[in-house]
Amino acid sequence: MNQATSEANEEVHYVGFWARFLAFIIDSTAATLLIVPLVLYLIGETRLEDYDLQDTEQLMELLNRMAIQISLDALFLGTIFVLFWIFKSATPGKMLVRCSIVDAKTYGKANTMQNIVRYLGYFVSLIPFGLGFLWIAFDSRKQGWHDKMAGTLVIKGLPRNI
């Protein structure tokens, strides 16, 4: 590592677990306010009392509706997050805590594929009891598993110009 790279790394401030968690709560709340009405419009309301859970056919219908709803939620949420990451290098929550998502090597803007992999990595981070997100608290560069998969970091401030 040359001296310029070493000096550049010293200026970088990685954003830790609690600030990122706060940003996620803000983003999730805002996204839910946008997504729920859209999904309700597309597939209608799913009410448990409308189903006889002892009836296998009705139970399967309910599970299918829930799967469609979860898939639509994930698709819409992913689209919103990835578009914000591409165009702003941050979601509104991250903007409020004044941080951005950057390429881990250059500290410049992450590319589109990194942003897509990062979002898909959320599911990998979530599945084992959220361990991939908790990893942020213990990692030296505050990377979650989704960041490691995508080659990204979350830093204070804006991405560097390349």
N, C-alpha and C. Protein backbone atom coordinates (compact mmCIF):
# COMPACT_ATOMS: atom_id res chain seq x y z
N MET A 1 0.85 -1.17 0.00
CA MET A 1 0.00 0.00 0.00
C MET A 1 0.90 1.23 0.00
N ASN A 2 0.62 2.16 -0.95
CA ASN A 2 1.46 3.35 -1.00
C ASN A 2 1.02 4.36 0.04
N GLN A 3 1.80 5.44 0.19
CA GLN A 3 1.51 6.40 1.25
C GLN A 3 0.18 7.13 1.00
N ALA A 4 -0.12 7.46 -0.26
CA ALA A 4 -1.38 8.15 -0.57
C ALA A 4 -2.58 7.29 -0.19
N THR A 5 -2.51 5.99 -0.50
CA THR A 5 -3.60 5.09 -0.13
C THR A 5 -3.72 4.98 1.38
N SER A 6 -2.58 4.90 2.06
CA SER A 6 -2.58 4.81 3.51
C SER A 6 -3.20 6.06 4.13
N GLU A 7 -2.85 7.24 3.61
CA GLU A 7 -3.41 8.48 4.13
C GLU A 7 -4.91 8.55 3.85
N ALA A 8 -5.32 8.11 2.66
CA ALA A 8 -6.73 8.13 2.31
C ALA A 8 -7.53 7.22 3.23
N ASN A 9 -6.98 6.06 3.56
CA ASN A 9 -7.68 5.12 4.45
C ASN A 9 -7.85 5.70 5.85
N GLU A 10 -6.89 6.50 6.31
CA GLU A 10 -6.97 7.07 7.64
C GLU A 10 -8.11 8.07 7.75
N GLU A 11 -8.49 8.71 6.64
CA GLU A 11 -9.55 9.71 6.64
C GLU A 11 -10.94 9.07 6.65
N VAL A 12 -11.04 7.82 6.31
CA VAL A 12 -12.33 7.15 6.19
C VAL A 12 -12.85 6.79 7.58
N HIS A 13 -14.12 7.10 7.79
CA HIS A 13 -14.77 6.74 9.05
C HIS A 13 -15.92 5.79 8.72
N TYR A 14 -15.77 4.55 9.16
CA TYR A 14 -16.78 3.54 8.91
C TYR A 14 -17.97 3.77 9.83
N VAL A 15 -19.14 3.50 9.33
CA VAL A 15 -20.36 3.71 10.11
C VAL A 15 -20.72 2.40 10.79
N GLY A 16 -20.93 2.47 12.09
CA GLY A 16 -21.17 1.28 12.89
C GLY A 16 -22.60 0.80 12.92
N PHE A 17 -22.81 -0.22 13.72
CA PHE A 17 -24.07 -0.94 13.77
C PHE A 17 -25.26 -0.04 14.12
N TRP A 18 -25.18 0.75 15.19
CA TRP A 18 -26.35 1.49 15.67
C TRP A 18 -26.78 2.57 14.71
N ALA A 19 -25.85 3.29 14.11
CA ALA A 19 -26.22 4.31 13.12
C ALA A 19 -26.86 3.66 11.90
N ARG A 20 -26.32 2.53 11.48
CA ARG A 20 -26.89 1.82 10.34
C ARG A 20 -28.25 1.23 10.68
N PHE A 21 -28.42 0.77 11.91
CA PHE A 21 -29.70 0.24 12.34
C PHE A 21 -30.76 1.35 12.33
N LEU A 22 -30.39 2.53 12.83
CA LEU A 22 -31.29 3.68 12.82
C LEU A 22 -31.70 4.01 11.38
N ALA A 23 -30.72 4.04 10.47
CA ALA A 23 -31.01 4.31 9.06
C ALA A 23 -31.96 3.26 8.49
N PHE A 24 -31.75 2.01 8.84
CA PHE A 24 -32.61 0.93 8.36
C PHE A 24 -34.04 1.09 8.87
N ILE A 25 -34.20 1.47 10.13
CA ILE A 25 -35.54 1.69 10.70
C ILE A 25 -36.25 2.81 9.94
N ILE A 26 -35.54 3.90 9.69
CA ILE A 26 -36.12 5.02 8.94
C ILE A 26 -36.52 4.56 7.54
N ASP A 27 -35.62 3.86 6.87
CA ASP A 27 -35.90 3.39 5.51
C ASP A 27 -37.06 2.40 5.48
N SER A 28 -37.09 1.48 6.42
CA SER A 28 -38.15 0.48 6.46
C SER A 28 -39.51 1.12 6.70
N THR A 29 -39.55 2.10 7.58
CA THR A 29 -40.80 2.79 7.85
C THR A 29 -41.29 3.53 6.62
N ALA A 30 -40.40 4.28 5.98
CA ALA A 30 -40.77 5.03 4.78
C ALA A 30 -41.20 4.08 3.66
N ALA A 31 -40.44 3.01 3.46
CA ALA A 31 -40.76 2.07 2.39
C ALA A 31 -42.10 1.38 2.65
N THR A 32 -42.36 1.04 3.88
CA THR A 32 -43.63 0.39 4.22
C THR A 32 -44.81 1.31 3.90
N LEU A 33 -44.65 2.59 4.20
CA LEU A 33 -45.72 3.54 3.90
C LEU A 33 -46.00 3.63 2.40
N LEU A 34 -44.98 3.39 1.59
CA LEU A 34 -45.15 3.39 0.13
C LEU A 34 -45.64 2.05 -0.41
N ILE A 35 -45.08 0.98 0.12
CA ILE A 35 -45.31 -0.35 -0.45
C ILE A 35 -46.65 -0.95 -0.05
N VAL A 36 -47.04 -0.82 1.19
CA VAL A 36 -48.27 -1.47 1.66
C VAL A 36 -49.49 -1.07 0.82
N PRO A 37 -49.71 0.22 0.59
CA PRO A 37 -50.88 0.56 -0.24
C PRO A 37 -50.79 -0.03 -1.66
N LEU A 38 -49.60 -0.05 -2.21
CA LEU A 38 -49.43 -0.60 -3.56
C LEU A 38 -49.73 -2.10 -3.60
N VAL A 39 -49.19 -2.84 -2.65
CA VAL A 39 -49.43 -4.29 -2.61
C VAL A 39 -50.91 -4.57 -2.31
N LEU A 40 -51.50 -3.80 -1.42
CA LEU A 40 -52.93 -3.99 -1.15
C LEU A 40 -53.75 -3.73 -2.40
N TYR A 41 -53.36 -2.74 -3.17
CA TYR A 41 -54.06 -2.44 -4.42
C TYR A 41 -53.92 -3.59 -5.41
N LEU A 42 -52.71 -4.16 -5.50
CA LEU A 42 -52.44 -5.21 -6.47
C LEU A 42 -53.08 -6.55 -6.12
N ILE A 43 -53.00 -6.95 -4.85
CA ILE A 43 -53.50 -8.29 -4.50
C ILE A 43 -54.63 -8.29 -3.48
N GLY A 44 -54.97 -7.12 -2.96
CA GLY A 44 -56.04 -7.05 -1.98
C GLY A 44 -55.56 -7.43 -0.58
N GLU A 45 -56.43 -7.20 0.36
CA GLU A 45 -56.10 -7.47 1.76
C GLU A 45 -56.23 -8.97 2.05
N THR A 46 -55.28 -9.49 2.82
CA THR A 46 -55.32 -10.88 3.26
C THR A 46 -55.70 -10.90 4.73
N ARG A 47 -56.87 -11.46 5.02
CA ARG A 47 -57.34 -11.52 6.41
C ARG A 47 -57.43 -12.97 6.84
N LEU A 48 -56.80 -13.31 7.94
CA LEU A 48 -56.80 -14.69 8.43
C LEU A 48 -58.20 -15.20 8.71
N GLU A 49 -59.06 -14.33 9.22
CA GLU A 49 -60.41 -14.79 9.56
C GLU A 49 -61.23 -15.20 8.34
N ASP A 50 -60.76 -14.88 7.16
CA ASP A 50 -61.45 -15.29 5.93
C ASP A 50 -61.09 -16.71 5.51
N TYR A 51 -60.20 -17.36 6.24
CA TYR A 51 -59.72 -18.69 5.86
C TYR A 51 -59.96 -19.69 6.98
N ASP A 52 -60.35 -20.88 6.60
CA ASP A 52 -60.45 -22.00 7.53
C ASP A 52 -59.10 -22.71 7.50
N LEU A 53 -58.28 -22.48 8.50
CA LEU A 53 -56.92 -23.01 8.52
C LEU A 53 -56.88 -24.53 8.69
N GLN A 54 -58.02 -25.14 9.00
CA GLN A 54 -58.10 -26.60 9.09
C GLN A 54 -58.29 -27.22 7.71
N ASP A 55 -58.74 -26.41 6.75
CA ASP A 55 -58.97 -26.85 5.37
C ASP A 55 -57.67 -26.70 4.59
N THR A 56 -57.12 -27.81 4.15
CA THR A 56 -55.82 -27.81 3.47
C THR A 56 -55.82 -26.91 2.24
N GLU A 57 -56.89 -26.94 1.49
CA GLU A 57 -56.97 -26.13 0.27
C GLU A 57 -56.94 -24.63 0.60
N GLN A 58 -57.70 -24.24 1.62
CA GLN A 58 -57.71 -22.83 2.03
C GLN A 58 -56.37 -22.42 2.64
N LEU A 59 -55.77 -23.32 3.39
CA LEU A 59 -54.46 -23.02 3.96
C LEU A 59 -53.43 -22.80 2.86
N MET A 60 -53.46 -23.63 1.83
CA MET A 60 -52.53 -23.47 0.70
C MET A 60 -52.78 -22.16 -0.04
N GLU A 61 -54.05 -21.80 -0.19
CA GLU A 61 -54.39 -20.53 -0.84
C GLU A 61 -53.83 -19.36 -0.03
N LEU A 62 -54.00 -19.42 1.29
CA LEU A 62 -53.47 -18.37 2.17
C LEU A 62 -51.95 -18.29 2.06
N LEU A 63 -51.29 -19.44 2.11
CA LEU A 63 -49.82 -19.45 2.01
C LEU A 63 -49.35 -18.90 0.67
N ASN A 64 -50.06 -19.22 -0.40
CA ASN A 64 -49.71 -18.68 -1.72
C ASN A 64 -49.86 -17.17 -1.76
N ARG A 65 -50.96 -16.66 -1.21
CA ARG A 65 -51.16 -15.20 -1.16
C ARG A 65 -50.06 -14.54 -0.34
N MET A 66 -49.71 -15.15 0.77
CA MET A 66 -48.66 -14.58 1.62
C MET A 66 -47.31 -14.60 0.89
N ALA A 67 -47.04 -15.66 0.17
CA ALA A 67 -45.79 -15.75 -0.60
C ALA A 67 -45.74 -14.67 -1.68
N ILE A 68 -46.86 -14.45 -2.35
CA ILE A 68 -46.93 -13.40 -3.37
C ILE A 68 -46.71 -12.03 -2.72
N GLN A 69 -47.35 -11.82 -1.59
CA GLN A 69 -47.20 -10.53 -0.89
C GLN A 69 -45.76 -10.30 -0.46
N ILE A 70 -45.14 -11.30 0.12
CA ILE A 70 -43.74 -11.17 0.55
C ILE A 70 -42.83 -10.94 -0.64
N SER A 71 -43.08 -11.65 -1.74
CA SER A 71 -42.27 -11.48 -2.95
C SER A 71 -42.41 -10.08 -3.52
N LEU A 72 -43.64 -9.57 -3.58
CA LEU A 72 -43.86 -8.21 -4.07
C LEU A 72 -43.20 -7.18 -3.16
N ASP A 73 -43.34 -7.38 -1.85
CA ASP A 73 -42.68 -6.49 -0.89
C ASP A 73 -41.17 -6.46 -1.13
N ALA A 74 -40.57 -7.63 -1.25
CA ALA A 74 -39.12 -7.72 -1.45
C ALA A 74 -38.70 -7.10 -2.78
N LEU A 75 -39.49 -7.33 -3.82
CA LEU A 75 -39.19 -6.77 -5.13
C LEU A 75 -39.27 -5.25 -5.12
N PHE A 76 -40.36 -4.72 -4.56
CA PHE A 76 -40.51 -3.27 -4.52
C PHE A 76 -39.48 -2.63 -3.61
N LEU A 77 -39.28 -3.21 -2.43
CA LEU A 77 -38.29 -2.67 -1.50
C LEU A 77 -36.90 -2.72 -2.12
N GLY A 78 -36.56 -3.84 -2.75
CA GLY A 78 -35.26 -3.97 -3.40
C GLY A 78 -35.07 -2.95 -4.50
N THR A 79 -36.12 -2.73 -5.28
CA THR A 79 -36.03 -1.75 -6.36
C THR A 79 -35.79 -0.35 -5.79
N ILE A 80 -36.55 0.00 -4.77
CA ILE A 80 -36.38 1.32 -4.15
C ILE A 80 -34.96 1.47 -3.59
N PHE A 81 -34.52 0.49 -2.79
CA PHE A 81 -33.19 0.58 -2.18
C PHE A 81 -32.10 0.66 -3.24
N VAL A 82 -32.12 -0.24 -4.21
CA VAL A 82 -31.06 -0.28 -5.22
C VAL A 82 -31.04 1.02 -6.03
N LEU A 83 -32.19 1.54 -6.39
CA LEU A 83 -32.21 2.81 -7.14
C LEU A 83 -31.63 3.96 -6.31
N PHE A 84 -31.98 4.01 -5.04
CA PHE A 84 -31.37 5.04 -4.19
C PHE A 84 -29.86 4.84 -4.11
N TRP A 85 -29.41 3.60 -3.93
CA TRP A 85 -27.97 3.34 -3.84
C TRP A 85 -27.26 3.74 -5.13
N ILE A 86 -27.88 3.45 -6.30
CA ILE A 86 -27.26 3.78 -7.58
C ILE A 86 -27.16 5.30 -7.75
N PHE A 87 -28.26 6.01 -7.49
CA PHE A 87 -28.29 7.44 -7.81
C PHE A 87 -27.82 8.34 -6.68
N LYS A 88 -27.94 7.91 -5.43
CA LYS A 88 -27.56 8.76 -4.29
C LYS A 88 -26.48 8.15 -3.40
N SER A 89 -26.10 6.91 -3.67
CA SER A 89 -25.15 6.17 -2.83
C SER A 89 -25.65 6.00 -1.40
N ALA A 90 -26.93 6.18 -1.20
CA ALA A 90 -27.53 6.05 0.13
C ALA A 90 -29.04 6.04 0.00
N THR A 91 -29.68 5.47 0.99
CA THR A 91 -31.13 5.56 1.12
C THR A 91 -31.44 6.81 1.95
N PRO A 92 -32.71 7.21 2.02
CA PRO A 92 -33.02 8.39 2.85
C PRO A 92 -32.53 8.26 4.30
N GLY A 93 -32.66 7.07 4.88
CA GLY A 93 -32.18 6.87 6.25
C GLY A 93 -30.68 7.08 6.36
N LYS A 94 -29.93 6.56 5.41
CA LYS A 94 -28.48 6.75 5.42
C LYS A 94 -28.13 8.23 5.19
N MET A 95 -28.91 8.90 4.34
CA MET A 95 -28.67 10.33 4.12
C MET A 95 -28.88 11.11 5.42
N LEU A 96 -29.91 10.73 6.19
CA LEU A 96 -30.17 11.43 7.46
C LEU A 96 -29.04 11.23 8.48
N VAL A 97 -28.38 10.07 8.44
CA VAL A 97 -27.24 9.87 9.35
C VAL A 97 -25.92 10.21 8.67
N ARG A 98 -26.03 10.85 7.51
CA ARG A 98 -24.89 11.39 6.76
C ARG A 98 -23.82 10.35 6.42
N CYS A 99 -24.27 9.28 5.80
CA CYS A 99 -23.33 8.27 5.37
C CYS A 99 -23.68 7.80 3.97
N SER A 100 -22.79 7.05 3.37
CA SER A 100 -23.05 6.55 2.02
C SER A 100 -22.39 5.19 1.82
N ILE A 101 -22.87 4.50 0.81
CA ILE A 101 -22.37 3.18 0.43
C ILE A 101 -21.33 3.38 -0.66
N VAL A 102 -20.14 2.80 -0.46
CA VAL A 102 -19.05 2.98 -1.41
C VAL A 102 -18.40 1.65 -1.74
N ASP A 103 -17.64 1.65 -2.83
CA ASP A 103 -16.83 0.51 -3.20
C ASP A 103 -15.74 0.35 -2.13
N ALA A 104 -15.52 -0.86 -1.67
CA ALA A 104 -14.57 -1.10 -0.57
C ALA A 104 -13.12 -0.85 -0.96
N LYS A 105 -12.80 -0.90 -2.24
CA LYS A 105 -11.41 -0.70 -2.68
C LYS A 105 -11.11 0.76 -3.00
N THR A 106 -12.04 1.44 -3.66
CA THR A 106 -11.76 2.79 -4.15
C THR A 106 -12.39 3.88 -3.30
N TYR A 107 -13.35 3.55 -2.48
CA TYR A 107 -14.15 4.50 -1.72
C TYR A 107 -14.96 5.42 -2.63
N GLY A 108 -15.07 5.03 -3.91
CA GLY A 108 -15.93 5.73 -4.86
C GLY A 108 -17.30 5.09 -4.86
N LYS A 109 -18.16 5.56 -5.76
CA LYS A 109 -19.51 5.00 -5.85
C LYS A 109 -19.46 3.50 -6.15
N ALA A 110 -20.32 2.76 -5.50
CA ALA A 110 -20.47 1.35 -5.82
C ALA A 110 -21.19 1.25 -7.16
N ASN A 111 -20.84 0.22 -7.94
CA ASN A 111 -21.50 0.08 -9.25
C ASN A 111 -22.84 -0.64 -9.10
N THR A 112 -23.59 -0.68 -10.19
CA THR A 112 -24.93 -1.26 -10.17
C THR A 112 -24.92 -2.71 -9.70
N MET A 113 -23.99 -3.51 -10.20
CA MET A 113 -23.96 -4.92 -9.80
C MET A 113 -23.65 -5.06 -8.32
N GLN A 114 -22.75 -4.25 -7.80
CA GLN A 114 -22.47 -4.29 -6.36
C GLN A 114 -23.73 -3.97 -5.56
N ASN A 115 -24.50 -3.00 -6.02
CA ASN A 115 -25.72 -2.63 -5.31
C ASN A 115 -26.76 -3.74 -5.35
N ILE A 116 -26.88 -4.41 -6.48
CA ILE A 116 -27.82 -5.53 -6.58
C ILE A 116 -27.38 -6.68 -5.68
N VAL A 117 -26.10 -7.03 -5.73
CA VAL A 117 -25.57 -8.10 -4.89
C VAL A 117 -25.74 -7.74 -3.42
N ARG A 118 -25.54 -6.48 -3.10
CA ARG A 118 -25.69 -6.01 -1.72
C ARG A 118 -27.12 -6.25 -1.23
N TYR A 119 -28.10 -5.91 -2.05
CA TYR A 119 -29.49 -6.14 -1.64
C TYR A 119 -29.79 -7.63 -1.49
N LEU A 120 -29.37 -8.43 -2.43
CA LEU A 120 -29.59 -9.88 -2.32
C LEU A 120 -28.87 -10.43 -1.10
N GLY A 121 -27.73 -9.85 -0.77
CA GLY A 121 -26.98 -10.25 0.41
C GLY A 121 -27.72 -9.97 1.71
N TYR A 122 -28.68 -9.05 1.67
CA TYR A 122 -29.50 -8.80 2.86
C TYR A 122 -30.18 -10.09 3.32
N PHE A 123 -30.63 -10.90 2.37
CA PHE A 123 -31.32 -12.13 2.72
C PHE A 123 -30.36 -13.13 3.34
N VAL A 124 -29.13 -13.17 2.83
CA VAL A 124 -28.10 -14.04 3.41
C VAL A 124 -27.78 -13.57 4.83
N SER A 125 -27.69 -12.26 5.02
CA SER A 125 -27.38 -11.70 6.33
C SER A 125 -28.51 -11.93 7.33
N LEU A 126 -29.74 -11.95 6.84
CA LEU A 126 -30.91 -12.08 7.70
C LEU A 126 -31.19 -13.51 8.14
N ILE A 127 -31.02 -14.46 7.24
CA ILE A 127 -31.47 -15.83 7.47
C ILE A 127 -30.92 -16.46 8.77
N PRO A 128 -29.61 -16.39 9.03
CA PRO A 128 -29.17 -17.02 10.28
C PRO A 128 -29.35 -16.08 11.48
N PHE A 129 -30.61 -15.82 11.84
CA PHE A 129 -30.94 -14.99 13.01
C PHE A 129 -30.36 -13.58 12.93
N GLY A 130 -30.20 -13.04 11.73
CA GLY A 130 -29.67 -11.69 11.56
C GLY A 130 -28.19 -11.56 11.83
N LEU A 131 -27.49 -12.69 11.91
CA LEU A 131 -26.07 -12.67 12.25
C LEU A 131 -25.23 -11.84 11.28
N GLY A 132 -25.61 -11.86 10.00
CA GLY A 132 -24.87 -11.09 9.01
C GLY A 132 -24.95 -9.59 9.24
N PHE A 133 -26.05 -9.13 9.85
CA PHE A 133 -26.18 -7.72 10.21
C PHE A 133 -25.45 -7.43 11.52
N LEU A 134 -25.56 -8.33 12.49
CA LEU A 134 -24.86 -8.15 13.76
C LEU A 134 -23.34 -8.12 13.56
N TRP A 135 -22.89 -8.77 12.49
CA TRP A 135 -21.46 -8.82 12.18
C TRP A 135 -20.87 -7.41 12.09
N ILE A 136 -21.69 -6.45 11.68
CA ILE A 136 -21.25 -5.05 11.55
C ILE A 136 -20.63 -4.56 12.85
N ALA A 137 -21.21 -4.94 13.98
CA ALA A 137 -20.73 -4.46 15.28
C ALA A 137 -19.33 -4.96 15.61
N PHE A 138 -18.92 -6.06 15.02
CA PHE A 138 -17.64 -6.68 15.39
C PHE A 138 -16.57 -6.60 14.31
N ASP A 139 -16.94 -6.24 13.11
CA ASP A 139 -16.00 -6.20 11.98
C ASP A 139 -15.15 -4.94 12.06
N SER A 140 -13.87 -5.06 11.72
CA SER A 140 -12.97 -3.91 11.82
C SER A 140 -13.35 -2.78 10.86
N ARG A 141 -13.95 -3.13 9.71
CA ARG A 141 -14.39 -2.09 8.76
C ARG A 141 -15.91 -1.92 8.77
N LYS A 142 -16.55 -2.49 9.80
CA LYS A 142 -18.00 -2.36 10.00
C LYS A 142 -18.81 -2.87 8.80
N GLN A 143 -18.33 -3.97 8.21
CA GLN A 143 -19.03 -4.58 7.08
C GLN A 143 -19.94 -5.69 7.56
N GLY A 144 -21.17 -5.68 7.06
CA GLY A 144 -22.05 -6.82 7.24
C GLY A 144 -21.72 -7.84 6.16
N TRP A 145 -22.33 -9.00 6.26
CA TRP A 145 -22.06 -10.03 5.24
C TRP A 145 -22.47 -9.55 3.85
N HIS A 146 -23.56 -8.78 3.78
CA HIS A 146 -24.01 -8.25 2.49
C HIS A 146 -22.96 -7.29 1.91
N ASP A 147 -22.29 -6.53 2.76
CA ASP A 147 -21.20 -5.64 2.30
C ASP A 147 -20.02 -6.46 1.80
N LYS A 148 -19.68 -7.50 2.53
CA LYS A 148 -18.55 -8.34 2.12
C LYS A 148 -18.84 -9.01 0.78
N MET A 149 -20.08 -9.50 0.61
CA MET A 149 -20.46 -10.15 -0.65
C MET A 149 -20.36 -9.17 -1.82
N ALA A 150 -20.75 -7.92 -1.59
CA ALA A 150 -20.81 -6.93 -2.67
C ALA A 150 -19.53 -6.13 -2.82
N GLY A 151 -18.62 -6.23 -1.86
CA GLY A 151 -17.41 -5.42 -1.91
C GLY A 151 -17.71 -3.95 -1.63
N THR A 152 -18.59 -3.70 -0.64
CA THR A 152 -18.96 -2.34 -0.29
C THR A 152 -18.66 -2.03 1.17
N LEU A 153 -18.66 -0.74 1.46
CA LEU A 153 -18.52 -0.23 2.82
C LEU A 153 -19.56 0.86 3.02
N VAL A 154 -19.88 1.14 4.27
CA VAL A 154 -20.70 2.31 4.59
C VAL A 154 -19.80 3.25 5.37
N ILE A 155 -19.64 4.46 4.82
CA ILE A 155 -18.73 5.44 5.41
C ILE A 155 -19.46 6.73 5.72
N LYS A 156 -18.90 7.52 6.63
CA LYS A 156 -19.40 8.87 6.88
C LYS A 156 -19.09 9.71 5.66
N GLY A 157 -20.03 10.55 5.26
CA GLY A 157 -19.79 11.45 4.14
C GLY A 157 -20.15 10.82 2.81
N LEU A 158 -19.61 11.44 1.75
CA LEU A 158 -19.92 11.04 0.39
C LEU A 158 -18.83 10.18 -0.22
N PRO A 159 -19.15 9.44 -1.29
CA PRO A 159 -18.11 8.66 -1.97
C PRO A 159 -17.05 9.58 -2.56
N ARG A 160 -15.87 9.05 -2.69
CA ARG A 160 -14.78 9.81 -3.32
C ARG A 160 -14.95 9.81 -4.83
N ASN A 161 -14.49 10.86 -5.45
CA ASN A 161 -14.50 10.90 -6.91
C ASN A 161 -13.35 10.05 -7.41
N ILE A 162 -13.62 9.27 -8.44
CA ILE A 162 -12.59 8.40 -8.98
C ILE A 162 -11.87 9.10 -10.10
